[in-house]
Protein backbone atom coordinates (compact mmCIF):
# COMPACT_ATOMS: atom_id res chain seq x y z
CA MET A 1 60.12 -125.17 -27.10
CA ALA A 2 60.28 -123.83 -30.65
CA THR A 3 60.66 -126.40 -33.42
CA VAL A 4 61.41 -126.29 -37.14
CA THR A 5 60.60 -128.97 -39.74
CA ARG A 6 60.93 -129.16 -43.53
CA SER A 7 58.69 -130.61 -46.23
CA ALA A 8 57.87 -129.71 -49.86
CA VAL A 9 54.87 -127.97 -51.37
CA GLY A 10 54.12 -127.12 -54.97
CA THR A 11 56.47 -126.78 -57.91
CA LEU A 12 57.83 -123.93 -59.94
CA PRO A 13 57.69 -123.81 -63.75
CA GLY A 14 60.18 -126.42 -64.89
CA GLY A 15 59.29 -128.77 -62.05
CA ARG A 16 61.56 -127.56 -59.26
CA ALA A 17 60.09 -128.34 -55.83
CA VAL A 18 59.48 -125.47 -53.45
CA GLU A 19 60.79 -126.09 -49.95
CA HIS A 20 58.28 -125.54 -47.18
CA TRP A 21 59.41 -124.89 -43.60
CA LEU A 22 57.22 -125.00 -40.51
CA LEU A 23 58.10 -123.16 -37.28
CA GLU A 24 56.04 -123.89 -34.17
CA ALA A 25 56.13 -122.43 -30.66
CA GLY A 26 53.17 -122.81 -28.33
CA PRO A 27 49.95 -121.90 -30.20
CA VAL A 28 51.76 -119.98 -32.99
CA ALA A 29 52.71 -121.71 -36.26
CA VAL A 30 54.64 -120.04 -39.09
CA GLU A 31 55.13 -121.44 -42.61
CA LEU A 32 57.96 -120.26 -44.85
CA LEU A 33 58.88 -120.91 -48.48
CA ASP A 34 62.36 -120.85 -49.99
CA PHE A 35 60.81 -119.21 -53.08
CA GLY A 36 61.12 -115.52 -52.37
CA ALA A 37 62.21 -116.33 -48.77
CA SER A 38 58.49 -115.89 -48.18
CA LEU A 39 56.33 -115.71 -45.09
CA HIS A 40 53.54 -117.94 -46.36
CA SER A 41 51.34 -118.47 -43.31
CA VAL A 42 50.92 -117.46 -39.67
CA ARG A 43 48.34 -119.17 -37.48
CA CYS A 44 47.62 -117.85 -34.00
CA PRO A 45 44.74 -117.85 -31.48
CA ASP A 46 41.99 -115.33 -30.86
CA ARG A 47 40.82 -114.43 -27.33
CA ALA A 48 38.71 -117.62 -27.21
CA GLY A 49 41.70 -119.77 -28.18
CA ARG A 50 40.50 -120.43 -31.74
CA ILE A 51 43.39 -120.74 -34.18
CA GLY A 52 43.11 -118.72 -37.38
CA GLU A 53 45.19 -117.79 -40.42
CA VAL A 54 46.31 -114.14 -40.24
CA VAL A 55 48.52 -113.84 -43.33
CA VAL A 56 46.92 -113.42 -46.76
CA SER A 57 48.67 -115.79 -49.18
CA PRO A 58 47.79 -117.25 -52.58
CA LEU A 59 46.41 -120.76 -52.88
CA ARG A 60 48.95 -121.78 -55.54
CA VAL A 61 52.69 -121.09 -55.53
CA SER A 62 52.46 -120.34 -59.26
CA ASP A 63 50.20 -117.36 -58.43
CA ARG A 64 53.30 -115.65 -57.04
CA PHE A 65 54.38 -115.01 -60.63
CA GLY A 66 51.19 -113.00 -61.24
CA ALA A 67 48.82 -110.83 -59.22
CA ALA A 68 50.08 -112.32 -55.92
CA ARG A 69 53.69 -111.62 -56.75
CA TYR A 70 54.77 -109.85 -53.57
CA PHE A 71 52.50 -111.58 -51.05
CA GLY A 72 54.68 -112.41 -48.03
CA ALA A 73 57.90 -112.27 -50.05
CA THR A 74 61.26 -110.78 -49.21
CA VAL A 75 61.58 -107.84 -51.61
CA GLY A 76 64.87 -106.33 -52.77
CA ARG A 77 67.54 -105.47 -53.73
CA TYR A 78 65.68 -102.22 -52.98
CA ALA A 79 62.17 -102.32 -51.53
CA ASN A 80 59.75 -99.59 -52.63
CA ARG A 81 60.52 -97.19 -55.50
CA ILE A 82 63.62 -95.68 -57.07
CA GLY A 83 62.69 -92.73 -59.27
CA GLY A 84 63.72 -92.77 -62.92
CA ALA A 85 65.17 -96.29 -62.48
CA VAL A 86 68.68 -94.85 -62.03
CA LEU A 87 71.39 -94.78 -59.39
CA ARG A 88 73.79 -91.83 -59.36
CA LEU A 89 77.18 -93.15 -58.34
CA GLU A 90 80.28 -91.03 -57.83
CA ASP A 91 81.68 -91.77 -61.29
CA ARG A 92 78.63 -92.70 -63.36
CA THR A 93 74.88 -93.08 -63.63
CA GLN A 94 73.67 -96.68 -63.40
CA ALA A 95 70.45 -97.65 -65.21
CA LEU A 96 68.19 -100.08 -63.32
CA SER A 97 65.35 -102.36 -64.37
CA ALA A 98 62.23 -100.20 -64.81
CA ASN A 99 59.11 -102.19 -63.93
CA GLU A 100 56.62 -99.53 -62.81
CA GLY A 101 56.38 -96.88 -65.48
CA GLY A 102 59.81 -95.31 -65.59
CA ASN A 103 60.65 -96.30 -62.01
CA THR A 104 62.10 -99.34 -60.25
CA LEU A 105 59.72 -101.05 -57.82
CA HIS A 106 60.84 -103.67 -55.28
CA GLY A 107 64.10 -104.45 -57.05
CA GLY A 108 62.98 -104.55 -60.67
CA THR A 109 61.45 -106.97 -63.13
CA GLU A 110 63.06 -110.01 -61.47
CA GLY A 111 63.53 -108.97 -57.88
CA PHE A 112 64.44 -111.12 -54.90
CA ASP A 113 60.79 -112.15 -54.50
CA LEU A 114 61.08 -114.32 -57.64
CA ARG A 115 64.27 -116.11 -56.58
CA SER A 116 64.80 -119.46 -54.95
CA TRP A 117 66.90 -118.91 -51.82
CA SER A 118 69.05 -121.58 -50.19
CA ALA A 119 67.80 -122.53 -46.73
CA ARG A 120 69.03 -124.16 -43.54
CA PRO A 121 67.52 -124.56 -40.05
CA VAL A 122 69.00 -122.46 -37.25
CA GLY A 123 68.59 -122.19 -33.48
CA ASP A 124 67.18 -124.52 -30.88
CA GLY A 125 65.48 -124.44 -27.50
CA PRO A 126 63.50 -121.24 -26.95
CA ARG A 127 64.11 -119.97 -30.53
CA ALA A 128 64.24 -121.85 -33.82
CA GLY A 129 64.01 -120.82 -37.42
CA VAL A 130 65.39 -120.82 -40.94
CA GLU A 131 68.20 -118.85 -42.55
CA PHE A 132 67.75 -118.07 -46.24
CA ARG A 133 70.70 -117.03 -48.44
CA LEU A 134 70.90 -115.48 -51.90
CA THR A 135 73.75 -114.30 -54.10
CA SER A 136 72.80 -111.43 -56.39
CA PRO A 137 75.52 -110.99 -59.04
CA ALA A 138 76.89 -107.62 -60.10
CA GLY A 139 74.55 -106.07 -62.65
CA ASP A 140 71.51 -107.96 -61.38
CA GLN A 141 68.55 -105.77 -62.46
CA GLY A 142 71.19 -103.10 -63.09
CA PHE A 143 72.41 -102.88 -59.47
CA PRO A 144 76.19 -102.65 -59.03
CA GLY A 145 78.15 -105.05 -56.87
CA ARG A 146 77.86 -108.71 -56.03
CA LEU A 147 75.48 -108.79 -53.05
CA GLU A 148 75.39 -111.63 -50.52
CA ALA A 149 72.04 -111.43 -48.71
CA THR A 150 70.61 -113.33 -45.76
CA VAL A 151 67.12 -113.36 -44.27
CA THR A 152 66.67 -115.27 -41.01
CA TYR A 153 63.26 -115.99 -39.50
CA THR A 154 63.16 -117.22 -35.89
CA LEU A 155 60.13 -117.96 -33.74
CA GLY A 156 60.35 -117.71 -29.97
CA ASP A 157 58.44 -119.34 -27.15
CA GLU A 158 56.72 -116.01 -26.49
CA GLY A 159 55.10 -116.15 -29.94
CA ASP A 160 57.34 -113.45 -31.43
CA LEU A 161 58.57 -113.79 -35.01
CA THR A 162 61.91 -112.07 -35.67
CA ILE A 163 63.26 -111.35 -39.15
CA ASP A 164 66.97 -110.48 -39.31
CA TYR A 165 68.33 -109.15 -42.60
CA GLY A 166 72.01 -109.02 -43.56
CA ALA A 167 73.99 -108.11 -46.66
CA THR A 168 77.51 -107.45 -47.91
CA SER A 169 78.75 -106.23 -51.28
CA ASP A 170 82.05 -106.12 -53.17
CA ALA A 171 81.20 -102.72 -54.67
CA VAL A 172 79.23 -99.63 -53.70
CA THR A 173 75.51 -100.40 -54.01
CA VAL A 174 72.18 -99.84 -52.28
CA VAL A 175 70.21 -102.27 -50.18
CA ASN A 176 66.75 -102.08 -48.63
CA LEU A 177 65.19 -105.42 -47.71
CA THR A 178 61.74 -105.92 -46.24
CA ASN A 179 58.93 -108.44 -45.96
CA HIS A 180 55.74 -107.83 -47.92
CA ALA A 181 53.23 -109.90 -45.90
CA TYR A 182 49.61 -108.83 -45.90
CA TRP A 183 47.92 -109.16 -42.50
CA ASN A 184 44.27 -109.80 -41.68
CA LEU A 185 43.85 -110.62 -38.00
CA ALA A 186 40.16 -111.45 -38.40
CA ALA A 187 41.12 -114.77 -40.03
CA ASP A 188 37.84 -116.31 -41.30
CA ALA A 189 35.60 -113.80 -39.53
CA ASP A 190 35.99 -110.76 -41.81
CA ARG A 191 37.20 -110.46 -45.38
CA THR A 192 38.63 -106.92 -45.11
CA VAL A 193 40.78 -105.04 -42.62
CA LEU A 194 38.53 -101.99 -42.46
CA ASP A 195 37.41 -102.85 -38.92
CA HIS A 196 41.01 -103.28 -37.77
CA GLU A 197 42.59 -100.59 -35.63
CA LEU A 198 46.06 -99.35 -36.56
CA GLN A 199 48.50 -97.28 -34.54
CA VAL A 200 51.78 -96.05 -36.07
CA GLY A 201 54.65 -94.69 -33.99
CA ALA A 202 55.27 -91.66 -36.18
CA ASP A 203 54.58 -87.94 -36.05
CA ARG A 204 55.40 -87.36 -39.72
CA TYR A 205 54.81 -89.03 -43.08
CA ILE A 206 56.16 -88.67 -46.61
CA ARG A 207 53.90 -87.01 -49.17
CA VAL A 208 54.15 -88.43 -52.68
CA ASP A 209 53.53 -87.44 -56.28
CA PRO A 210 51.19 -89.33 -58.67
CA GLY A 211 53.96 -91.92 -59.23
CA LEU A 212 54.09 -92.47 -55.44
CA LEU A 213 57.60 -91.02 -55.27
CA PRO A 214 58.42 -88.59 -52.44
CA LEU A 215 57.81 -84.92 -53.11
CA LEU A 216 60.76 -82.61 -52.67
CA GLY A 217 61.08 -81.05 -49.26
CA PRO A 218 60.73 -82.34 -45.71
CA SER A 219 58.22 -84.87 -44.46
CA GLU A 220 54.85 -83.57 -43.28
CA PRO A 221 53.18 -83.67 -39.84
CA VAL A 222 50.42 -86.25 -39.56
CA GLU A 223 48.30 -83.92 -37.44
CA ARG A 224 44.89 -83.13 -38.94
CA THR A 225 45.38 -85.62 -41.80
CA PRO A 226 44.14 -89.18 -42.47
CA PHE A 227 47.71 -90.24 -41.61
CA ASP A 228 47.38 -89.34 -37.94
CA LEU A 229 47.60 -92.82 -36.42
CA ARG A 230 49.45 -91.78 -33.27
CA GLU A 231 46.54 -93.29 -31.36
CA PRO A 232 44.73 -96.47 -32.47
CA ARG A 233 42.31 -95.62 -35.24
CA LYS A 234 39.91 -97.82 -37.16
CA LEU A 235 41.08 -98.10 -40.76
CA ARG A 236 37.54 -97.57 -42.02
CA THR A 237 37.47 -94.20 -40.24
CA ALA A 238 40.96 -93.17 -41.33
CA LEU A 239 40.32 -93.97 -44.99
CA ALA A 240 36.92 -92.28 -44.93
CA ALA A 241 38.77 -89.02 -44.23
CA ALA A 242 40.09 -89.08 -47.79
CA ASP A 243 42.46 -86.41 -49.07
CA GLU A 244 44.51 -85.87 -52.23
CA GLN A 245 47.21 -88.25 -50.98
CA THR A 246 44.94 -91.22 -50.27
CA ARG A 247 43.00 -90.67 -53.50
CA MET A 248 46.25 -90.67 -55.47
CA ALA A 249 47.16 -94.04 -53.91
CA GLY A 250 43.90 -95.65 -55.03
CA GLY A 251 41.67 -94.70 -52.13
CA GLY A 252 43.85 -95.89 -49.27
CA PHE A 253 47.33 -95.82 -47.81
CA ASP A 254 50.47 -96.58 -49.81
CA HIS A 255 52.78 -94.25 -47.91
CA ASN A 256 55.85 -94.22 -45.72
CA TRP A 257 55.67 -92.98 -42.13
CA VAL A 258 58.83 -91.50 -40.56
CA LEU A 259 59.37 -93.43 -37.34
CA ARG A 260 60.45 -91.62 -34.22
CA PRO A 261 64.22 -91.48 -33.61
CA ARG A 262 65.89 -94.06 -31.44
CA THR A 263 69.42 -95.27 -30.66
CA PRO A 264 70.89 -96.78 -33.85
CA GLY A 265 70.59 -100.57 -33.93
CA THR A 266 67.76 -100.74 -31.41
CA THR A 267 64.15 -101.51 -32.23
CA VAL A 268 61.23 -99.13 -31.89
CA SER A 269 57.52 -99.93 -31.91
CA ALA A 270 56.57 -99.04 -35.48
CA ALA A 271 52.95 -100.16 -35.56
CA VAL A 272 50.25 -101.98 -33.61
CA LEU A 273 47.48 -103.66 -35.59
CA SER A 274 44.49 -105.05 -33.72
CA HIS A 275 41.12 -106.62 -34.48
CA PRO A 276 38.75 -105.82 -31.61
CA ALA A 277 36.18 -108.50 -32.53
CA SER A 278 38.65 -111.40 -32.31
CA GLY A 279 41.03 -109.84 -29.80
CA ARG A 280 44.09 -110.57 -31.93
CA ARG A 281 46.87 -108.02 -31.70
CA LEU A 282 50.08 -107.66 -33.72
CA GLU A 283 52.90 -105.33 -32.73
CA CYS A 284 55.64 -104.56 -35.25
CA LEU A 285 59.05 -103.39 -33.99
CA THR A 286 62.00 -102.48 -36.18
CA THR A 287 65.46 -100.94 -36.44
CA GLU A 288 64.46 -99.28 -39.74
CA PRO A 289 63.73 -95.54 -40.08
CA GLY A 290 60.37 -95.95 -41.81
CA ILE A 291 57.33 -98.14 -42.35
CA GLN A 292 55.29 -98.33 -45.54
CA VAL A 293 51.62 -99.04 -44.90
CA TYR A 294 49.67 -100.39 -47.87
CA THR A 295 45.99 -101.21 -47.38
CA GLY A 296 45.39 -103.41 -50.43
CA ASN A 297 43.72 -100.58 -52.32
CA HIS A 298 44.10 -102.32 -55.67
CA PHE A 299 43.05 -105.86 -54.73
CA ASP A 300 40.27 -106.90 -57.09
CA GLY A 301 39.47 -110.53 -56.31
CA SER A 302 41.92 -111.90 -58.90
CA VAL A 303 44.00 -113.60 -56.16
CA THR A 304 42.57 -116.69 -54.42
CA ASP A 305 43.68 -117.13 -50.81
CA LEU A 306 44.68 -120.28 -48.95
CA HIS A 307 40.99 -121.02 -48.26
CA GLY A 308 40.08 -120.75 -51.96
CA ARG A 309 38.34 -117.37 -51.59
CA PRO A 310 38.94 -114.25 -53.73
CA VAL A 311 40.90 -111.56 -51.91
CA PRO A 312 38.77 -108.38 -52.00
CA ARG A 313 39.81 -104.75 -51.94
CA PHE A 314 41.26 -103.92 -48.50
CA GLY A 315 41.60 -107.66 -47.88
CA GLY A 316 44.92 -107.22 -46.08
CA VAL A 317 47.33 -104.57 -44.85
CA ALA A 318 51.10 -104.61 -45.43
CA LEU A 319 53.42 -103.21 -42.75
CA GLU A 320 56.74 -102.91 -44.60
CA THR A 321 59.65 -101.78 -42.41
CA GLN A 322 62.26 -100.12 -44.60
CA HIS A 323 64.33 -97.16 -45.69
CA PHE A 324 62.43 -94.34 -47.34
CA PRO A 325 61.34 -94.58 -50.98
CA ASP A 326 63.81 -93.13 -53.50
CA ALA A 327 66.40 -92.66 -50.73
CA PRO A 328 69.32 -93.32 -53.16
CA ASN A 329 68.35 -90.07 -54.89
CA ARG A 330 67.63 -88.14 -51.69
CA PRO A 331 70.78 -87.28 -49.71
CA ASP A 332 68.54 -85.73 -47.04
CA TYR A 333 67.15 -89.21 -46.19
CA PRO A 334 68.87 -91.89 -44.07
CA SER A 335 71.46 -93.51 -46.31
CA PRO A 336 70.71 -96.89 -47.95
CA TRP A 337 74.20 -97.14 -49.45
CA LEU A 338 76.35 -100.18 -48.72
CA ARG A 339 80.12 -100.12 -49.28
CA PRO A 340 82.67 -102.93 -49.50
CA GLY A 341 83.75 -104.03 -46.04
CA ASP A 342 80.52 -102.85 -44.42
CA VAL A 343 77.67 -105.10 -43.30
CA HIS A 344 74.03 -104.17 -43.70
CA ARG A 345 71.95 -105.33 -40.72
CA SER A 346 68.28 -104.82 -40.01
CA THR A 347 65.76 -106.43 -37.66
CA THR A 348 61.98 -106.51 -37.60
CA VAL A 349 59.93 -108.26 -34.91
CA TYR A 350 56.26 -109.26 -35.09
CA ARG A 351 54.71 -109.95 -31.66
CA PHE A 352 51.39 -111.78 -31.59
CA GLY A 353 49.09 -111.42 -28.66
CA ILE A 354 45.61 -110.69 -27.39
CA GLY A 355 44.39 -107.14 -26.85
CA PRO A 356 41.90 -105.79 -24.33
């Protein structure tokens, strides 16, 4: 039976306590924080039954204001990048908070990852979890409309962690919510993810310019590129096949794959991450049209993890289910626009298991 309990851990500047929630079901334990509606920890067994930490998180909550800002957090109002930090509405151009050069990244200077969300326990029996809520006022980081957002984490008896996102707005706006957890299934055994195998359920990916914004034109086939992860491929091997795109992203992946079509509202297997040495396996399913894979190319040891160790380059891999980058400015992409009276809904599932 899944259970949920609450405690407190750490404080924010000014002394406010950070709520800490623990979900448990069988051998899987998940820790959440109300700050950033964050996925702070996941502990699960390897093939020998040894429990290990598979999420890379900072040792101190205060580190989330610095180099560990996005680790495990819910990012929004718009995950990924919006070019030129502008939205083009029907009657005007809306300037947004520019926090990465001249672009908006993950919602701006003070995105949802830096907010304290309200929280309440939900579910019972085979599934239990926490619902986080946040009100983003009109004009927040430049975005139009008052947005009411929810993020609900539930853990099931099968060891599957489901994240359900919801949002409504009183004016036309954009929304693109995702979780920015970094995964390392080796736990204590290996400091990088280079010996992990990754499979992505996509035949195409989005090429980017030096600002990591999509190039004009259609997506590109993954065939005969480092982005061909249609079959499981060791990350060390994939990244060794460097091209202009991986070099531009800092020597690794920071790109969006175009997931294969499916019936709207149903989940598709977006990615499977596995660590052959430990046997741990993570499958990611989603209703979203894309997945951004970031391999920690810019980690430099400045973040200390939960075990007190510096996080090295390639120390974790993010699997961010989402709409495509700069979609508000690309009418050829699936629409991220939300109108009054409509409800934004999105689901991502992480299934933990043991591979062959």
